[in-house]
Amino acid sequence: QQHQQELAQMQQRIDQAASRRFLRLVPVLEDLYDRGNASAVMRSSEGMGIQNVHLIQPSTRFKEANRVTQGADKWVDVKVWKSTPECIGYLRARGFKVCVTTLNGGRPIDEIDFAPPTAVVFGNEKEGVSPEMLRLADEKVFIPMSGFTQSFNISVAAALFIYHVLAEKKRGSGRSSDVETQEAKILQALFYLRSVESAEKILCNKLDQ
């Protein structure tokens, strides 16, 4: 009986999460040094409904990508790239606008139109985004700050950016997600397969409904 109740609760959570996902906002982390920062960004992203996160890892210092995603990879899809142009080319081919976070020459976040599919790029903890990424950007953007501190920790900056962009998207569309009906069904299936032992039986029952 308890197992059935727990399974029903899990099904409800999965169905709700799948229907509230965002596929058209993608965080991109370029050449981060600290696994902890990457993990924190992924946790924040998943908690706010982001489905896809991209990691650009041109160097070997951050080589064990599977360990970065512990705790988030069950729900978030992580794509790893070896070069910046490769990642940006992939996103552009799918209609994404590329917004790069930088303190130099950017526009305040409130001035940017986030209605189109958007990739928001965060650079590493020391140098920020690469010159190559800056050249490829459609928009350069920053969070205005009122204190003496000039920048946020990357995980904090990413959480603030994602929250702001999602709020703008929800306001503009009047919807709590950007997934279409078929996309939500696909996400449901993925989440069941990743978390529930009897996933195949549940999915077959749903198909029969």
N, C-alpha and C. Protein backbone atom coordinates (compact mmCIF):
# COMPACT_ATOMS: atom_id res chain seq x y z
N GLN A 1 0.83 -1.21 0.00
CA GLN A 1 0.00 0.00 0.00
C GLN A 1 0.87 1.26 0.00
N GLN A 2 1.86 1.28 0.90
CA GLN A 2 2.76 2.43 0.99
C GLN A 2 3.54 2.61 -0.31
N HIS A 3 3.96 1.48 -0.89
CA HIS A 3 4.70 1.55 -2.16
C HIS A 3 3.83 2.16 -3.25
N GLN A 4 2.55 1.79 -3.28
CA GLN A 4 1.63 2.32 -4.29
C GLN A 4 1.44 3.82 -4.11
N GLN A 5 1.35 4.27 -2.86
CA GLN A 5 1.19 5.70 -2.58
C GLN A 5 2.43 6.47 -3.01
N GLU A 6 3.60 5.92 -2.69
CA GLU A 6 4.85 6.58 -3.08
C GLU A 6 4.99 6.65 -4.59
N LEU A 7 4.58 5.56 -5.27
CA LEU A 7 4.64 5.54 -6.73
C LEU A 7 3.69 6.57 -7.33
N ALA A 8 2.50 6.68 -6.76
CA ALA A 8 1.52 7.66 -7.25
C ALA A 8 2.04 9.08 -7.06
N GLN A 9 2.68 9.32 -5.90
CA GLN A 9 3.24 10.65 -5.64
C GLN A 9 4.37 10.97 -6.62
N MET A 10 5.22 9.97 -6.90
CA MET A 10 6.31 10.16 -7.85
C MET A 10 5.76 10.44 -9.25
N GLN A 11 4.70 9.71 -9.65
CA GLN A 11 4.10 9.95 -10.95
C GLN A 11 3.56 11.38 -11.06
N GLN A 12 2.93 11.84 -9.98
CA GLN A 12 2.38 13.20 -9.98
C GLN A 12 3.50 14.24 -10.12
N ARG A 13 4.57 14.02 -9.38
CA ARG A 13 5.71 14.95 -9.43
C ARG A 13 6.33 14.96 -10.83
N ILE A 14 6.49 13.80 -11.42
CA ILE A 14 7.08 13.71 -12.76
C ILE A 14 6.19 14.41 -13.78
N ASP A 15 4.90 14.16 -13.72
CA ASP A 15 3.98 14.77 -14.68
C ASP A 15 3.98 16.30 -14.55
N GLN A 16 4.01 16.78 -13.30
CA GLN A 16 4.04 18.23 -13.08
C GLN A 16 5.34 18.83 -13.58
N ALA A 17 6.46 18.18 -13.24
CA ALA A 17 7.77 18.71 -13.64
C ALA A 17 7.90 18.75 -15.16
N ALA A 18 7.46 17.71 -15.83
CA ALA A 18 7.56 17.66 -17.29
C ALA A 18 6.74 18.77 -17.94
N SER A 19 5.61 19.09 -17.36
CA SER A 19 4.74 20.12 -17.95
C SER A 19 5.22 21.54 -17.64
N ARG A 20 6.18 21.68 -16.73
CA ARG A 20 6.68 23.00 -16.33
C ARG A 20 8.12 23.24 -16.78
N ARG A 21 8.61 22.43 -17.71
CA ARG A 21 9.99 22.53 -18.15
C ARG A 21 10.17 23.65 -19.18
N PHE A 22 11.43 24.12 -19.28
CA PHE A 22 11.81 25.10 -20.30
C PHE A 22 12.91 24.50 -21.17
N LEU A 23 12.65 24.45 -22.47
CA LEU A 23 13.61 23.94 -23.43
C LEU A 23 14.29 25.04 -24.22
N ARG A 24 13.75 26.27 -24.13
CA ARG A 24 14.23 27.35 -24.99
C ARG A 24 15.01 28.42 -24.22
N LEU A 25 15.50 28.01 -23.05
CA LEU A 25 16.52 28.77 -22.32
C LEU A 25 17.60 27.77 -21.93
N VAL A 26 18.82 28.02 -22.36
CA VAL A 26 19.91 27.06 -22.17
C VAL A 26 21.11 27.76 -21.52
N PRO A 27 21.51 27.39 -20.30
CA PRO A 27 22.76 27.88 -19.73
C PRO A 27 23.95 27.18 -20.39
N VAL A 28 24.99 27.95 -20.69
CA VAL A 28 26.22 27.41 -21.26
C VAL A 28 27.37 27.80 -20.33
N LEU A 29 28.15 26.83 -19.87
CA LEU A 29 29.28 27.08 -18.97
C LEU A 29 30.57 26.84 -19.75
N GLU A 30 31.35 27.91 -19.91
CA GLU A 30 32.55 27.82 -20.74
C GLU A 30 33.81 27.71 -19.88
N ASP A 31 34.44 26.55 -19.93
CA ASP A 31 35.78 26.33 -19.37
C ASP A 31 35.87 26.67 -17.87
N LEU A 32 34.92 26.16 -17.08
CA LEU A 32 34.96 26.42 -15.64
C LEU A 32 36.11 25.66 -14.98
N TYR A 33 36.63 26.24 -13.90
CA TYR A 33 37.69 25.59 -13.13
C TYR A 33 37.12 24.68 -12.05
N ASP A 34 36.01 25.10 -11.45
CA ASP A 34 35.52 24.49 -10.23
C ASP A 34 34.30 23.61 -10.49
N ARG A 35 34.43 22.31 -10.22
CA ARG A 35 33.30 21.39 -10.37
C ARG A 35 32.12 21.81 -9.50
N GLY A 36 32.44 22.35 -8.32
CA GLY A 36 31.37 22.76 -7.41
C GLY A 36 30.49 23.84 -8.02
N ASN A 37 31.10 24.78 -8.72
CA ASN A 37 30.32 25.83 -9.37
C ASN A 37 29.42 25.27 -10.46
N ALA A 38 29.96 24.35 -11.24
CA ALA A 38 29.16 23.74 -12.31
C ALA A 38 27.98 22.98 -11.70
N SER A 39 28.23 22.24 -10.64
CA SER A 39 27.16 21.48 -9.99
C SER A 39 26.09 22.42 -9.44
N ALA A 40 26.53 23.54 -8.85
CA ALA A 40 25.58 24.50 -8.29
C ALA A 40 24.71 25.11 -9.37
N VAL A 41 25.30 25.43 -10.52
CA VAL A 41 24.52 25.98 -11.63
C VAL A 41 23.50 24.96 -12.13
N MET A 42 23.92 23.71 -12.22
CA MET A 42 22.99 22.67 -12.68
C MET A 42 21.85 22.46 -11.71
N ARG A 43 22.15 22.47 -10.41
CA ARG A 43 21.07 22.31 -9.43
C ARG A 43 20.09 23.47 -9.50
N SER A 44 20.61 24.69 -9.60
CA SER A 44 19.72 25.85 -9.70
C SER A 44 18.89 25.77 -10.98
N SER A 45 19.54 25.39 -12.07
CA SER A 45 18.84 25.29 -13.36
C SER A 45 17.71 24.28 -13.28
N GLU A 46 18.00 23.10 -12.75
CA GLU A 46 16.97 22.07 -12.66
C GLU A 46 15.83 22.52 -11.75
N GLY A 47 16.18 23.14 -10.64
CA GLY A 47 15.15 23.58 -9.70
C GLY A 47 14.19 24.59 -10.29
N MET A 48 14.67 25.37 -11.26
CA MET A 48 13.81 26.38 -11.90
C MET A 48 13.18 25.88 -13.20
N GLY A 49 13.43 24.61 -13.54
CA GLY A 49 12.74 24.02 -14.68
C GLY A 49 13.53 23.94 -15.97
N ILE A 50 14.82 24.25 -15.93
CA ILE A 50 15.65 24.16 -17.13
C ILE A 50 15.95 22.68 -17.41
N GLN A 51 15.88 22.29 -18.68
CA GLN A 51 16.10 20.90 -19.04
C GLN A 51 17.50 20.63 -19.58
N ASN A 52 18.09 21.60 -20.30
CA ASN A 52 19.37 21.37 -20.98
C ASN A 52 20.45 22.34 -20.50
N VAL A 53 21.61 21.79 -20.20
CA VAL A 53 22.78 22.59 -19.82
C VAL A 53 23.95 22.15 -20.69
N HIS A 54 24.72 23.12 -21.19
CA HIS A 54 25.86 22.82 -22.04
C HIS A 54 27.16 23.18 -21.32
N LEU A 55 28.13 22.28 -21.38
CA LEU A 55 29.46 22.52 -20.82
C LEU A 55 30.48 22.56 -21.95
N ILE A 56 31.28 23.62 -22.00
CA ILE A 56 32.39 23.69 -22.95
C ILE A 56 33.67 23.46 -22.15
N GLN A 57 34.39 22.39 -22.49
CA GLN A 57 35.59 22.00 -21.74
C GLN A 57 36.77 21.79 -22.68
N PRO A 58 37.38 22.87 -23.15
CA PRO A 58 38.50 22.71 -24.09
C PRO A 58 39.78 22.22 -23.43
N SER A 59 39.89 22.40 -22.11
CA SER A 59 41.12 21.99 -21.42
C SER A 59 40.91 20.66 -20.72
N THR A 60 42.00 20.09 -20.20
CA THR A 60 41.93 18.78 -19.54
C THR A 60 41.75 18.90 -18.04
N ARG A 61 41.84 20.10 -17.49
CA ARG A 61 41.78 20.23 -16.04
C ARG A 61 40.40 19.87 -15.49
N PHE A 62 39.40 19.89 -16.35
CA PHE A 62 38.02 19.66 -15.93
C PHE A 62 37.48 18.47 -16.71
N LYS A 63 38.20 17.36 -16.67
CA LYS A 63 37.96 16.31 -17.64
C LYS A 63 36.87 15.30 -17.27
N GLU A 64 36.56 15.15 -15.97
CA GLU A 64 35.62 14.11 -15.59
C GLU A 64 34.21 14.68 -15.52
N ALA A 65 33.61 14.90 -16.68
CA ALA A 65 32.32 15.57 -16.77
C ALA A 65 31.21 14.82 -16.04
N ASN A 66 31.31 13.49 -16.02
CA ASN A 66 30.25 12.73 -15.37
C ASN A 66 30.17 13.02 -13.88
N ARG A 67 31.28 13.38 -13.26
CA ARG A 67 31.27 13.67 -11.82
C ARG A 67 30.71 15.05 -11.54
N VAL A 68 30.76 15.93 -12.51
CA VAL A 68 30.21 17.26 -12.34
C VAL A 68 28.72 17.21 -12.10
N THR A 69 28.06 16.28 -12.75
CA THR A 69 26.60 16.30 -12.83
C THR A 69 25.92 15.50 -11.74
N GLN A 70 26.67 14.99 -10.77
CA GLN A 70 26.06 14.17 -9.73
C GLN A 70 24.97 14.95 -9.02
N GLY A 71 23.78 14.32 -8.90
CA GLY A 71 22.67 14.98 -8.25
C GLY A 71 21.76 15.73 -9.21
N ALA A 72 22.27 16.08 -10.39
CA ALA A 72 21.45 16.81 -11.36
C ALA A 72 21.23 16.03 -12.64
N ASP A 73 22.13 15.10 -12.95
CA ASP A 73 22.06 14.43 -14.26
C ASP A 73 20.88 13.49 -14.39
N LYS A 74 20.23 13.17 -13.29
CA LYS A 74 19.04 12.32 -13.36
C LYS A 74 17.90 13.04 -14.07
N TRP A 75 17.88 14.36 -13.94
CA TRP A 75 16.76 15.14 -14.48
C TRP A 75 17.19 16.10 -15.59
N VAL A 76 18.41 16.58 -15.55
CA VAL A 76 18.89 17.56 -16.54
C VAL A 76 19.71 16.85 -17.61
N ASP A 77 19.56 17.27 -18.85
CA ASP A 77 20.36 16.73 -19.94
C ASP A 77 21.58 17.64 -20.14
N VAL A 78 22.76 17.05 -19.98
CA VAL A 78 24.02 17.80 -20.06
C VAL A 78 24.76 17.42 -21.32
N LYS A 79 25.10 18.42 -22.12
CA LYS A 79 25.86 18.16 -23.35
C LYS A 79 27.24 18.79 -23.20
N VAL A 80 28.28 18.01 -23.46
CA VAL A 80 29.66 18.45 -23.27
C VAL A 80 30.33 18.69 -24.62
N TRP A 81 31.00 19.85 -24.73
CA TRP A 81 31.67 20.23 -25.98
C TRP A 81 33.15 20.46 -25.72
N LYS A 82 33.95 20.22 -26.75
CA LYS A 82 35.40 20.45 -26.63
C LYS A 82 35.83 21.81 -27.16
N SER A 83 34.92 22.51 -27.86
CA SER A 83 35.29 23.83 -28.36
C SER A 83 34.09 24.76 -28.36
N THR A 84 34.38 26.05 -28.24
CA THR A 84 33.33 27.07 -28.23
C THR A 84 32.58 27.16 -29.56
N PRO A 85 33.27 27.22 -30.72
CA PRO A 85 32.53 27.32 -31.99
C PRO A 85 31.61 26.13 -32.23
N GLU A 86 32.03 24.94 -31.79
CA GLU A 86 31.23 23.73 -31.97
C GLU A 86 29.90 23.87 -31.21
N CYS A 87 29.98 24.32 -29.97
CA CYS A 87 28.78 24.48 -29.15
C CYS A 87 27.86 25.57 -29.71
N ILE A 88 28.43 26.71 -30.03
CA ILE A 88 27.62 27.83 -30.52
C ILE A 88 27.01 27.51 -31.88
N GLY A 89 27.75 26.80 -32.72
CA GLY A 89 27.20 26.38 -34.01
C GLY A 89 25.99 25.49 -33.84
N TYR A 90 26.07 24.57 -32.89
CA TYR A 90 24.95 23.67 -32.59
C TYR A 90 23.73 24.46 -32.15
N LEU A 91 23.92 25.42 -31.25
CA LEU A 91 22.80 26.20 -30.73
C LEU A 91 22.20 27.12 -31.80
N ARG A 92 23.07 27.76 -32.58
CA ARG A 92 22.58 28.65 -33.64
C ARG A 92 21.76 27.88 -34.67
N ALA A 93 22.21 26.68 -34.99
CA ALA A 93 21.48 25.86 -35.97
C ALA A 93 20.08 25.53 -35.48
N ARG A 94 19.87 25.64 -34.17
CA ARG A 94 18.56 25.35 -33.59
C ARG A 94 17.81 26.62 -33.22
N GLY A 95 18.28 27.75 -33.71
CA GLY A 95 17.55 29.00 -33.56
C GLY A 95 17.78 29.76 -32.27
N PHE A 96 18.86 29.45 -31.55
CA PHE A 96 19.11 30.13 -30.29
C PHE A 96 19.90 31.42 -30.49
N LYS A 97 19.48 32.46 -29.78
CA LYS A 97 20.26 33.70 -29.67
C LYS A 97 21.29 33.49 -28.56
N VAL A 98 22.51 33.98 -28.76
CA VAL A 98 23.59 33.75 -27.79
C VAL A 98 23.86 35.02 -27.01
N CYS A 99 23.57 34.99 -25.70
CA CYS A 99 23.81 36.11 -24.80
C CYS A 99 24.99 35.75 -23.89
N VAL A 100 26.01 36.58 -23.93
CA VAL A 100 27.23 36.31 -23.17
C VAL A 100 27.29 37.27 -21.98
N THR A 101 27.55 36.73 -20.80
CA THR A 101 27.67 37.57 -19.62
C THR A 101 29.08 38.14 -19.53
N THR A 102 29.17 39.45 -19.41
CA THR A 102 30.47 40.11 -19.33
C THR A 102 30.31 41.47 -18.68
N LEU A 103 31.36 41.92 -17.99
CA LEU A 103 31.32 43.24 -17.37
C LEU A 103 31.78 44.33 -18.32
N ASN A 104 32.31 43.91 -19.47
CA ASN A 104 32.90 44.88 -20.40
C ASN A 104 32.04 45.05 -21.65
N GLY A 105 31.46 46.23 -21.79
CA GLY A 105 30.76 46.55 -23.03
C GLY A 105 29.40 45.92 -23.20
N GLY A 106 28.84 45.39 -22.13
CA GLY A 106 27.54 44.75 -22.25
C GLY A 106 26.40 45.70 -21.95
N ARG A 107 25.17 45.21 -22.14
CA ARG A 107 23.97 45.96 -21.80
C ARG A 107 23.35 45.39 -20.52
N PRO A 108 22.66 46.20 -19.72
CA PRO A 108 22.00 45.68 -18.52
C PRO A 108 20.97 44.61 -18.88
N ILE A 109 20.81 43.65 -18.01
CA ILE A 109 19.92 42.53 -18.27
C ILE A 109 18.49 42.98 -18.55
N ASP A 110 18.06 44.09 -17.95
CA ASP A 110 16.69 44.57 -18.16
C ASP A 110 16.43 45.07 -19.57
N GLU A 111 17.49 45.33 -20.34
CA GLU A 111 17.32 45.86 -21.69
C GLU A 111 17.30 44.78 -22.77
N ILE A 112 17.48 43.53 -22.38
CA ILE A 112 17.60 42.45 -23.35
C ILE A 112 16.24 41.77 -23.57
N ASP A 113 15.94 41.47 -24.83
CA ASP A 113 14.73 40.73 -25.16
C ASP A 113 15.02 39.23 -25.09
N PHE A 114 14.41 38.56 -24.13
CA PHE A 114 14.64 37.13 -23.93
C PHE A 114 13.50 36.27 -24.48
N ALA A 115 12.61 36.87 -25.27
CA ALA A 115 11.50 36.09 -25.82
C ALA A 115 11.96 34.98 -26.76
N PRO A 116 12.95 35.23 -27.66
CA PRO A 116 13.40 34.14 -28.54
C PRO A 116 14.12 33.05 -27.75
N PRO A 117 14.30 31.87 -28.33
CA PRO A 117 15.16 30.86 -27.69
C PRO A 117 16.53 31.47 -27.39
N THR A 118 17.01 31.30 -26.18
CA THR A 118 18.20 32.02 -25.72
C THR A 118 19.18 31.09 -25.02
N ALA A 119 20.45 31.20 -25.40
CA ALA A 119 21.54 30.56 -24.66
C ALA A 119 22.27 31.64 -23.88
N VAL A 120 22.40 31.46 -22.57
CA VAL A 120 23.11 32.43 -21.72
C VAL A 120 24.44 31.81 -21.31
N VAL A 121 25.53 32.48 -21.69
CA VAL A 121 26.87 31.92 -21.51
C VAL A 121 27.55 32.53 -20.29
N PHE A 122 28.12 31.67 -19.45
CA PHE A 122 28.88 32.09 -18.28
C PHE A 122 30.31 31.59 -18.42
N GLY A 123 31.27 32.50 -18.25
CA GLY A 123 32.67 32.14 -18.40
C GLY A 123 33.26 31.63 -17.10
N ASN A 124 34.57 31.33 -17.14
CA ASN A 124 35.18 30.74 -15.95
C ASN A 124 35.45 31.78 -14.86
N GLU A 125 35.84 31.27 -13.69
CA GLU A 125 35.91 32.08 -12.49
C GLU A 125 37.02 33.12 -12.52
N LYS A 126 38.01 32.97 -13.38
CA LYS A 126 39.15 33.90 -13.39
C LYS A 126 39.06 34.90 -14.55
N GLU A 127 38.99 34.38 -15.77
CA GLU A 127 39.02 35.28 -16.93
C GLU A 127 37.65 35.62 -17.49
N GLY A 128 36.60 34.94 -17.02
CA GLY A 128 35.28 35.14 -17.63
C GLY A 128 35.19 34.40 -18.95
N VAL A 129 34.32 34.88 -19.85
CA VAL A 129 34.17 34.21 -21.15
C VAL A 129 35.39 34.48 -22.01
N SER A 130 35.64 33.62 -22.97
CA SER A 130 36.81 33.75 -23.84
C SER A 130 36.59 34.84 -24.88
N PRO A 131 37.69 35.42 -25.43
CA PRO A 131 37.56 36.37 -26.54
C PRO A 131 36.80 35.78 -27.73
N GLU A 132 36.99 34.49 -27.96
CA GLU A 132 36.29 33.81 -29.04
C GLU A 132 34.78 33.84 -28.81
N MET A 133 34.36 33.58 -27.58
CA MET A 133 32.94 33.61 -27.25
C MET A 133 32.38 35.02 -27.42
N LEU A 134 33.14 36.02 -27.00
CA LEU A 134 32.69 37.40 -27.16
C LEU A 134 32.46 37.75 -28.63
N ARG A 135 33.33 37.25 -29.49
CA ARG A 135 33.17 37.51 -30.93
C ARG A 135 31.92 36.83 -31.48
N LEU A 136 31.57 35.70 -30.93
CA LEU A 136 30.43 34.93 -31.44
C LEU A 136 29.09 35.39 -30.86
N ALA A 137 29.12 36.26 -29.85
CA ALA A 137 27.90 36.62 -29.13
C ALA A 137 26.96 37.48 -29.97
N ASP A 138 25.67 37.26 -29.78
CA ASP A 138 24.64 38.15 -30.34
C ASP A 138 24.39 39.32 -29.40
N GLU A 139 24.50 39.07 -28.10
CA GLU A 139 24.30 40.09 -27.08
C GLU A 139 25.35 39.92 -25.99
N LYS A 140 25.82 41.06 -25.45
CA LYS A 140 26.66 41.04 -24.26
C LYS A 140 25.84 41.67 -23.14
N VAL A 141 25.78 41.00 -21.99
CA VAL A 141 24.83 41.41 -20.96
C VAL A 141 25.46 41.30 -19.58
N PHE A 142 24.99 42.16 -18.66
CA PHE A 142 25.47 42.09 -17.28
C PHE A 142 24.33 42.42 -16.32
N ILE A 143 24.52 42.03 -15.05
CA ILE A 143 23.58 42.39 -13.98
C ILE A 143 24.10 43.66 -13.31
N PRO A 144 23.35 44.76 -13.35
CA PRO A 144 23.79 45.99 -12.68
C PRO A 144 23.92 45.76 -11.18
N MET A 145 24.97 46.33 -10.58
CA MET A 145 25.20 46.17 -9.14
C MET A 145 25.34 47.54 -8.50
N SER A 146 24.86 47.66 -7.27
CA SER A 146 24.82 48.96 -6.59
C SER A 146 25.90 49.10 -5.53
N GLY A 147 26.55 48.01 -5.16
CA GLY A 147 27.53 48.07 -4.09
C GLY A 147 28.96 48.21 -4.60
N PHE A 148 29.92 48.01 -3.71
CA PHE A 148 31.33 48.10 -4.08
C PHE A 148 31.80 46.86 -4.84
N THR A 149 31.17 45.73 -4.57
CA THR A 149 31.53 44.49 -5.26
C THR A 149 31.14 44.59 -6.73
N GLN A 150 32.02 44.18 -7.61
CA GLN A 150 31.79 44.35 -9.05
C GLN A 150 31.17 43.13 -9.72
N SER A 151 31.27 41.98 -9.08
CA SER A 151 30.72 40.79 -9.75
C SER A 151 30.26 39.77 -8.72
N PHE A 152 29.32 38.90 -9.16
CA PHE A 152 28.85 37.80 -8.32
C PHE A 152 29.67 36.55 -8.59
N ASN A 153 29.66 35.63 -7.62
CA ASN A 153 30.14 34.28 -7.88
C ASN A 153 29.34 33.71 -9.04
N ILE A 154 29.97 32.88 -9.87
CA ILE A 154 29.31 32.39 -11.09
C ILE A 154 28.01 31.64 -10.80
N SER A 155 27.97 30.86 -9.72
CA SER A 155 26.74 30.12 -9.45
C SER A 155 25.62 31.06 -9.04
N VAL A 156 25.96 32.13 -8.31
CA VAL A 156 24.95 33.13 -7.94
C VAL A 156 24.49 33.90 -9.17
N ALA A 157 25.46 34.33 -9.99
CA ALA A 157 25.12 35.07 -11.22
C ALA A 157 24.21 34.24 -12.12
N ALA A 158 24.53 32.97 -12.27
CA ALA A 158 23.72 32.10 -13.13
C ALA A 158 22.31 31.97 -12.59
N ALA A 159 22.18 31.78 -11.27
CA ALA A 159 20.85 31.64 -10.68
C ALA A 159 20.04 32.92 -10.88
N LEU A 160 20.66 34.08 -10.69
CA LEU A 160 19.95 35.35 -10.88
C LEU A 160 19.54 35.54 -12.33
N PHE A 161 20.44 35.24 -13.27
CA PHE A 161 20.14 35.36 -14.69
C PHE A 161 18.96 34.46 -15.07
N ILE A 162 19.07 33.20 -14.68
CA ILE A 162 18.04 32.24 -15.07
C ILE A 162 16.69 32.64 -14.50
N TYR A 163 16.67 33.05 -13.24
CA TYR A 163 15.41 33.47 -12.63
C TYR A 163 14.81 34.66 -13.39
N HIS A 164 15.65 35.64 -13.71
CA HIS A 164 15.17 36.83 -14.42
C HIS A 164 14.63 36.47 -15.81
N VAL A 165 15.38 35.67 -16.54
CA VAL A 165 14.97 35.33 -17.91
C VAL A 165 13.68 34.52 -17.89
N LEU A 166 13.57 33.57 -16.98
CA LEU A 166 12.35 32.77 -16.91
C LEU A 166 11.15 33.63 -16.51
N ALA A 167 11.37 34.59 -15.61
CA ALA A 167 10.27 35.49 -15.23
C ALA A 167 9.81 36.30 -16.44
N GLU A 168 10.78 36.77 -17.25
CA GLU A 168 10.42 37.52 -18.47
C GLU A 168 9.65 36.63 -19.45
N LYS A 169 10.11 35.42 -19.62
CA LYS A 169 9.44 34.50 -20.55
C LYS A 169 8.02 34.19 -20.08
N LYS A 170 7.85 33.95 -18.79
CA LYS A 170 6.52 33.65 -18.25
C LYS A 170 5.59 34.86 -18.39
N ARG A 171 6.13 36.05 -18.14
CA ARG A 171 5.32 37.26 -18.28
C ARG A 171 4.90 37.47 -19.72
N GLY A 172 5.84 37.25 -20.63
CA GLY A 172 5.56 37.49 -22.04
C GLY A 172 4.60 36.50 -22.65
N SER A 173 4.69 35.23 -22.24
CA SER A 173 3.86 34.19 -22.84
C SER A 173 2.60 33.90 -22.05
N GLY A 174 2.60 34.27 -20.77
CA GLY A 174 1.48 33.93 -19.90
C GLY A 174 1.45 32.46 -19.54
N ARG A 175 2.55 31.75 -19.75
CA ARG A 175 2.63 30.31 -19.47
C ARG A 175 3.72 30.03 -18.45
N SER A 176 3.58 28.93 -17.74
CA SER A 176 4.57 28.55 -16.72
C SER A 176 5.67 27.67 -17.29
N SER A 177 5.65 27.42 -18.61
CA SER A 177 6.71 26.66 -19.26
C SER A 177 6.69 27.00 -20.74
N ASP A 178 7.64 26.42 -21.49
CA ASP A 178 7.61 26.63 -22.94
C ASP A 178 7.50 25.31 -23.71
N VAL A 179 7.22 24.21 -23.00
CA VAL A 179 7.12 22.92 -23.68
C VAL A 179 5.76 22.77 -24.36
N GLU A 180 5.77 22.19 -25.54
CA GLU A 180 4.53 21.83 -26.21
C GLU A 180 4.06 20.47 -25.67
N THR A 181 2.84 20.09 -25.99
CA THR A 181 2.25 18.87 -25.44
C THR A 181 3.09 17.63 -25.72
N GLN A 182 3.56 17.50 -26.96
CA GLN A 182 4.35 16.33 -27.33
C GLN A 182 5.71 16.33 -26.62
N GLU A 183 6.31 17.53 -26.47
CA GLU A 183 7.59 17.63 -25.76
C GLU A 183 7.43 17.21 -24.30
N ALA A 184 6.32 17.62 -23.68
CA ALA A 184 6.07 17.25 -22.28
C ALA A 184 5.92 15.74 -22.13
N LYS A 185 5.27 15.10 -23.11
CA LYS A 185 5.11 13.64 -23.05
C LYS A 185 6.46 12.94 -23.17
N ILE A 186 7.32 13.46 -24.03
CA ILE A 186 8.66 12.87 -24.18
C ILE A 186 9.44 13.02 -22.88
N LEU A 187 9.36 14.20 -22.26
CA LEU A 187 10.05 14.42 -20.99
C LEU A 187 9.50 13.50 -19.89
N GLN A 188 8.20 13.34 -19.86
CA GLN A 188 7.61 12.40 -18.90
C GLN A 188 8.22 11.02 -19.04
N ALA A 189 8.28 10.55 -20.27
CA ALA A 189 8.83 9.22 -20.53
C ALA A 189 10.28 9.13 -20.06
N LEU A 190 11.07 10.14 -20.36
CA LEU A 190 12.48 10.15 -19.94
C LEU A 190 12.59 10.11 -18.42
N PHE A 191 11.78 10.92 -17.74
CA PHE A 191 11.85 10.97 -16.28
C PHE A 191 11.43 9.65 -15.65
N TYR A 192 10.40 9.02 -16.22
CA TYR A 192 9.99 7.71 -15.71
C TYR A 192 11.12 6.69 -15.87
N LEU A 193 11.70 6.66 -17.04
CA LEU A 193 12.76 5.68 -17.32
C LEU A 193 13.98 5.89 -16.43
N ARG A 194 14.21 7.14 -16.01
CA ARG A 194 15.37 7.44 -15.19
C ARG A 194 15.15 7.22 -13.70
N SER A 195 13.89 7.04 -13.28
CA SER A 195 13.65 7.08 -11.84
C SER A 195 12.72 6.00 -11.30
N VAL A 196 11.93 5.37 -12.14
CA VAL A 196 10.91 4.44 -11.65
C VAL A 196 11.19 3.04 -12.20
N GLU A 197 11.21 2.05 -11.30
CA GLU A 197 11.52 0.67 -11.70
C GLU A 197 10.49 0.12 -12.69
N SER A 198 9.22 0.43 -12.47
CA SER A 198 8.16 -0.08 -13.33
C SER A 198 7.81 0.90 -14.45
N ALA A 199 8.81 1.64 -14.93
CA ALA A 199 8.57 2.71 -15.90
C ALA A 199 7.88 2.20 -17.16
N GLU A 200 8.32 1.07 -17.68
CA GLU A 200 7.76 0.58 -18.94
C GLU A 200 6.28 0.25 -18.80
N LYS A 201 5.90 -0.33 -17.68
CA LYS A 201 4.49 -0.66 -17.44
C LYS A 201 3.65 0.61 -17.35
N ILE A 202 4.16 1.60 -16.63
CA ILE A 202 3.44 2.87 -16.49
C ILE A 202 3.25 3.55 -17.84
N LEU A 203 4.31 3.55 -18.64
CA LEU A 203 4.24 4.20 -19.95
C LEU A 203 3.26 3.47 -20.87
N CYS A 204 3.25 2.16 -20.80
CA CYS A 204 2.29 1.39 -21.62
C CYS A 204 0.85 1.71 -21.22
N ASN A 205 0.63 1.84 -19.89
CA ASN A 205 -0.71 2.21 -19.41
C ASN A 205 -1.12 3.59 -19.90
N LYS A 206 -0.16 4.52 -19.91
CA LYS A 206 -0.46 5.87 -20.39
C LYS A 206 -0.79 5.87 -21.87
N LEU A 207 -0.10 5.04 -22.63
CA LEU A 207 -0.37 4.97 -24.06
C LEU A 207 -1.78 4.41 -24.34
N ASP A 208 -2.25 3.55 -23.43
CA ASP A 208 -3.57 2.95 -23.61
C ASP A 208 -4.71 3.88 -23.20
N GLN A 209 -4.37 4.95 -22.48
CA GLN A 209 -5.41 5.85 -21.98
C GLN A 209 -6.01 6.70 -23.10
